[in-house]
Amino acid sequence: MKIERARARQVKKVAVTVILIAAVAVAGSLWCNYYFSPAERAGRELEKLTKDYYENFFYDLVLKEGGEGVDLAELFAPYEKGGGMQPVLLRQLLLFDSGRHESSRKEFINDSYRCDTNTTSVRIKPTAPYGRNDWTAEYNLSCTNG
């Protein structure tokens, strides 16, 4: 009897271990399918392009045009009050700064996923205190599978 109970406990432990490993494998597979899906990759790439565009291009351009000693609130308040900048098209994000991000195009236009570069856009809204990293964005992806 003691041998049968010990054997039953071992079988239960093995069964629980197998079930846990299977559950982790399924969860990992689902996460990978989601994380590496074309839509998620395109969304992350759009966020990356937007960050570079605003923080390293547009922000410097506004400061340069504003001149030295100008109040940041004065420069950026119109964008915040007006609901943000005009939408920046994906086409513009791929081509700005002499086309430095042209290689990102493959995330938006490929065999399994296609984004319209003239309707996919982002609206950037500077926020107080108007530092380089003080902004939010609304993303609008206009994409289809296949």
C-alpha atoms as a PDB file:
ATOM      1  CA  MET A   1       0.000   0.000   0.000  1.00  0.00           C
ATOM      2  CA  LYS A   2       2.776   2.436   0.919  1.00  0.00           C
ATOM      3  CA  ILE A   3       4.495   1.774  -2.385  1.00  0.00           C
ATOM      4  CA  GLU A   4       1.280   2.486  -4.318  1.00  0.00           C
ATOM      5  CA  ARG A   5       0.735   5.816  -2.489  1.00  0.00           C
ATOM      6  CA  ALA A   6       4.333   6.873  -3.059  1.00  0.00           C
ATOM      7  CA  ARG A   7       4.000   5.945  -6.723  1.00  0.00           C
ATOM      8  CA  ALA A   8       0.694   7.879  -6.977  1.00  0.00           C
ATOM      9  CA  ARG A   9       2.362  10.998  -5.480  1.00  0.00           C
ATOM     10  CA  GLN A  10       5.190  10.736  -7.986  1.00  0.00           C
ATOM     11  CA  VAL A  11       2.746  10.432 -10.851  1.00  0.00           C
ATOM     12  CA  LYS A  12       0.832  13.493  -9.586  1.00  0.00           C
ATOM     13  CA  LYS A  13       4.051  15.529  -9.321  1.00  0.00           C
ATOM     14  CA  VAL A  14       5.088  14.552 -12.827  1.00  0.00           C
ATOM     15  CA  ALA A  15       1.609  15.350 -14.178  1.00  0.00           C
ATOM     16  CA  VAL A  16       1.545  18.771 -12.499  1.00  0.00           C
ATOM     17  CA  THR A  17       5.048  19.517 -13.796  1.00  0.00           C
ATOM     18  CA  VAL A  18       4.090  18.525 -17.348  1.00  0.00           C
ATOM     19  CA  ILE A  19       0.927  20.666 -17.171  1.00  0.00           C
ATOM     20  CA  LEU A  20       2.895  23.668 -15.882  1.00  0.00           C
ATOM     21  CA  ILE A  21       5.521  23.308 -18.605  1.00  0.00           C
ATOM     22  CA  ALA A  22       2.794  23.039 -21.250  1.00  0.00           C
ATOM     23  CA  ALA A  23       1.021  26.121 -19.854  1.00  0.00           C
ATOM     24  CA  VAL A  24       4.240  28.152 -19.896  1.00  0.00           C
ATOM     25  CA  ALA A  25       4.976  26.988 -23.450  1.00  0.00           C
ATOM     26  CA  VAL A  26       1.495  27.964 -24.659  1.00  0.00           C
ATOM     27  CA  ALA A  27       1.672  31.342 -22.897  1.00  0.00           C
ATOM     28  CA  GLY A  28       5.119  31.984 -24.374  1.00  0.00           C
ATOM     29  CA  SER A  29       3.929  31.048 -27.826  1.00  0.00           C
ATOM     30  CA  LEU A  30       0.913  33.352 -27.576  1.00  0.00           C
ATOM     31  CA  TRP A  31       3.087  36.198 -26.323  1.00  0.00           C
ATOM     32  CA  CYS A  32       5.579  35.698 -29.185  1.00  0.00           C
ATOM     33  CA  ASN A  33       2.783  35.640 -31.765  1.00  0.00           C
ATOM     34  CA  TYR A  34       1.438  38.902 -30.364  1.00  0.00           C
ATOM     35  CA  TYR A  35       4.767  40.674 -29.795  1.00  0.00           C
ATOM     36  CA  PHE A  36       6.216  39.766 -33.177  1.00  0.00           C
ATOM     37  CA  SER A  37       3.008  40.244 -35.172  1.00  0.00           C
ATOM     38  CA  PRO A  38       3.318  42.688 -38.080  1.00  0.00           C
ATOM     39  CA  ALA A  39       0.856  45.105 -36.453  1.00  0.00           C
ATOM     40  CA  GLU A  40       2.781  45.234 -33.174  1.00  0.00           C
ATOM     41  CA  ARG A  41       6.114  45.633 -34.941  1.00  0.00           C
ATOM     42  CA  ALA A  42       4.698  48.463 -37.053  1.00  0.00           C
ATOM     43  CA  GLY A  43       3.260  50.149 -33.960  1.00  0.00           C
ATOM     44  CA  ARG A  44       6.582  49.986 -32.110  1.00  0.00           C
ATOM     45  CA  GLU A  45       8.422  51.292 -35.167  1.00  0.00           C
ATOM     46  CA  LEU A  46       5.976  54.202 -35.517  1.00  0.00           C
ATOM     47  CA  GLU A  47       6.552  55.088 -31.856  1.00  0.00           C
ATOM     48  CA  LYS A  48      10.316  54.976 -32.395  1.00  0.00           C
ATOM     49  CA  LEU A  49      10.127  57.185 -35.499  1.00  0.00           C
ATOM     50  CA  THR A  50       7.865  59.655 -33.700  1.00  0.00           C
ATOM     51  CA  LYS A  51      10.243  59.893 -30.755  1.00  0.00           C
ATOM     52  CA  ASP A  52      13.208  60.579 -33.025  1.00  0.00           C
ATOM     53  CA  TYR A  53      11.245  63.047 -35.142  1.00  0.00           C
ATOM     54  CA  TYR A  54      10.032  65.130 -32.209  1.00  0.00           C
ATOM     55  CA  GLU A  55      13.000  64.949 -29.840  1.00  0.00           C
ATOM     56  CA  ASN A  56      15.853  65.151 -32.323  1.00  0.00           C
ATOM     57  CA  PHE A  57      14.409  67.069 -35.255  1.00  0.00           C
ATOM     58  CA  PHE A  58      11.270  69.112 -34.611  1.00  0.00           C
ATOM     59  CA  TYR A  59      12.201  70.245 -31.096  1.00  0.00           C
ATOM     60  CA  ASP A  60      15.596  71.517 -32.272  1.00  0.00           C
ATOM     61  CA  LEU A  61      13.968  73.222 -35.247  1.00  0.00           C
ATOM     62  CA  VAL A  62      11.473  75.093 -33.036  1.00  0.00           C
ATOM     63  CA  LEU A  63      14.215  76.187 -30.636  1.00  0.00           C
ATOM     64  CA  LYS A  64      16.357  77.357 -33.531  1.00  0.00           C
ATOM     65  CA  GLU A  65      13.502  79.360 -35.060  1.00  0.00           C
ATOM     66  CA  GLY A  66      12.567  80.823 -31.653  1.00  0.00           C
ATOM     67  CA  GLY A  67      16.016  82.233 -31.076  1.00  0.00           C
ATOM     68  CA  GLU A  68      18.004  82.475 -27.874  1.00  0.00           C
ATOM     69  CA  GLY A  69      16.372  83.349 -24.586  1.00  0.00           C
ATOM     70  CA  VAL A  70      12.832  82.777 -25.816  1.00  0.00           C
ATOM     71  CA  ASP A  71      10.304  81.342 -23.363  1.00  0.00           C
ATOM     72  CA  LEU A  72       9.546  77.662 -24.080  1.00  0.00           C
ATOM     73  CA  ALA A  73       5.925  78.093 -22.977  1.00  0.00           C
ATOM     74  CA  GLU A  74       5.572  80.862 -25.533  1.00  0.00           C
ATOM     75  CA  LEU A  75       7.007  78.659 -28.292  1.00  0.00           C
ATOM     76  CA  PHE A  76       5.094  75.459 -27.529  1.00  0.00           C
ATOM     77  CA  ALA A  77       1.815  76.672 -25.987  1.00  0.00           C
ATOM     78  CA  PRO A  78       0.077  77.083 -29.374  1.00  0.00           C
ATOM     79  CA  TYR A  79       0.688  73.395 -30.106  1.00  0.00           C
ATOM     80  CA  GLU A  80      -0.668  72.313 -26.736  1.00  0.00           C
ATOM     81  CA  LYS A  81      -3.738  74.558 -26.869  1.00  0.00           C
ATOM     82  CA  GLY A  82      -4.552  73.618 -30.452  1.00  0.00           C
ATOM     83  CA  GLY A  83      -4.774  69.920 -29.668  1.00  0.00           C
ATOM     84  CA  GLY A  84      -1.245  69.240 -30.791  1.00  0.00           C
ATOM     85  CA  MET A  85       0.685  69.588 -33.980  1.00  0.00           C
ATOM     86  CA  GLN A  86      -0.833  68.890 -37.345  1.00  0.00           C
ATOM     87  CA  PRO A  87      -0.738  65.145 -38.012  1.00  0.00           C
ATOM     88  CA  VAL A  88       2.646  63.984 -39.256  1.00  0.00           C
ATOM     89  CA  LEU A  89       2.249  61.382 -41.990  1.00  0.00           C
ATOM     90  CA  LEU A  90       4.195  58.140 -42.001  1.00  0.00           C
ATOM     91  CA  ARG A  91       5.615  59.200 -45.359  1.00  0.00           C
ATOM     92  CA  GLN A  92       7.102  62.291 -43.695  1.00  0.00           C
ATOM     93  CA  LEU A  93       8.531  60.255 -40.821  1.00  0.00           C
ATOM     94  CA  LEU A  94      10.272  57.923 -43.248  1.00  0.00           C
ATOM     95  CA  LEU A  95      11.727  60.785 -45.292  1.00  0.00           C
ATOM     96  CA  PHE A  96      12.668  63.432 -42.709  1.00  0.00           C
ATOM     97  CA  ASP A  97      16.325  64.188 -42.015  1.00  0.00           C
ATOM     98  CA  SER A  98      17.425  63.203 -45.530  1.00  0.00           C
ATOM     99  CA  GLY A  99      15.585  59.866 -45.435  1.00  0.00           C
ATOM    100  CA  ARG A 100      17.578  58.529 -42.489  1.00  0.00           C
ATOM    101  CA  HIS A 101      14.726  56.159 -41.550  1.00  0.00           C
ATOM    102  CA  GLU A 102      14.048  54.775 -45.006  1.00  0.00           C
ATOM    103  CA  SER A 103      15.096  51.328 -43.767  1.00  0.00           C
ATOM    104  CA  SER A 104      12.068  51.332 -41.429  1.00  0.00           C
ATOM    105  CA  ARG A 105       9.761  51.138 -44.443  1.00  0.00           C
ATOM    106  CA  LYS A 106       9.973  47.312 -44.376  1.00  0.00           C
ATOM    107  CA  GLU A 107       8.052  47.289 -41.061  1.00  0.00           C
ATOM    108  CA  PHE A 108       5.143  49.109 -42.710  1.00  0.00           C
ATOM    109  CA  ILE A 109       5.160  47.688 -46.212  1.00  0.00           C
ATOM    110  CA  ASN A 110       5.935  44.001 -46.656  1.00  0.00           C
ATOM    111  CA  ASP A 111       4.338  40.768 -47.901  1.00  0.00           C
ATOM    112  CA  SER A 112       2.183  40.226 -44.818  1.00  0.00           C
ATOM    113  CA  TYR A 113       1.323  43.784 -43.781  1.00  0.00           C
ATOM    114  CA  ARG A 114       0.792  47.017 -45.673  1.00  0.00           C
ATOM    115  CA  CYS A 115       0.338  50.523 -44.232  1.00  0.00           C
ATOM    116  CA  ASP A 116      -0.787  53.493 -46.269  1.00  0.00           C
ATOM    117  CA  THR A 117       2.020  56.030 -45.854  1.00  0.00           C
ATOM    118  CA  ASN A 118      -0.327  58.900 -46.744  1.00  0.00           C
ATOM    119  CA  THR A 119      -2.997  58.135 -44.120  1.00  0.00           C
ATOM    120  CA  THR A 120      -1.005  56.520 -41.304  1.00  0.00           C
ATOM    121  CA  SER A 121      -0.136  59.427 -39.052  1.00  0.00           C
ATOM    122  CA  VAL A 122       0.733  60.648 -35.599  1.00  0.00           C
ATOM    123  CA  ARG A 123      -0.419  63.767 -33.777  1.00  0.00           C
ATOM    124  CA  ILE A 124       2.182  65.022 -31.317  1.00  0.00           C
ATOM    125  CA  LYS A 125       1.168  67.230 -28.429  1.00  0.00           C
ATOM    126  CA  PRO A 126       3.908  69.047 -26.486  1.00  0.00           C
ATOM    127  CA  THR A 127       3.234  69.255 -22.753  1.00  0.00           C
ATOM    128  CA  ALA A 128       4.483  71.624 -20.046  1.00  0.00           C
ATOM    129  CA  PRO A 129       7.258  72.258 -19.055  1.00  0.00           C
ATOM    130  CA  TYR A 130       8.067  71.779 -22.766  1.00  0.00           C
ATOM    131  CA  GLY A 131      11.344  69.942 -22.441  1.00  0.00           C
ATOM    132  CA  ARG A 132      12.667  67.671 -25.148  1.00  0.00           C
ATOM    133  CA  ASN A 133      10.899  64.640 -23.610  1.00  0.00           C
ATOM    134  CA  ASP A 134       7.669  66.387 -22.611  1.00  0.00           C
ATOM    135  CA  TRP A 135       5.128  65.259 -25.184  1.00  0.00           C
ATOM    136  CA  THR A 136       2.373  62.769 -25.867  1.00  0.00           C
ATOM    137  CA  ALA A 137       1.167  61.308 -29.141  1.00  0.00           C
ATOM    138  CA  GLU A 138      -1.937  59.857 -30.746  1.00  0.00           C
ATOM    139  CA  TYR A 139      -1.134  57.215 -33.342  1.00  0.00           C
ATOM    140  CA  ASN A 140      -3.338  56.420 -36.315  1.00  0.00           C
ATOM    141  CA  LEU A 141      -2.258  53.321 -38.217  1.00  0.00           C
ATOM    142  CA  SER A 142      -4.062  52.728 -41.486  1.00  0.00           C
ATOM    143  CA  CYS A 143      -2.864  49.232 -42.336  1.00  0.00           C
ATOM    144  CA  THR A 144      -4.135  45.919 -43.729  1.00  0.00           C
ATOM    145  CA  ASN A 145      -2.960  42.332 -43.510  1.00  0.00           C
ATOM    146  CA  GLY A 146      -1.726  40.640 -46.640  1.00  0.00           C
END
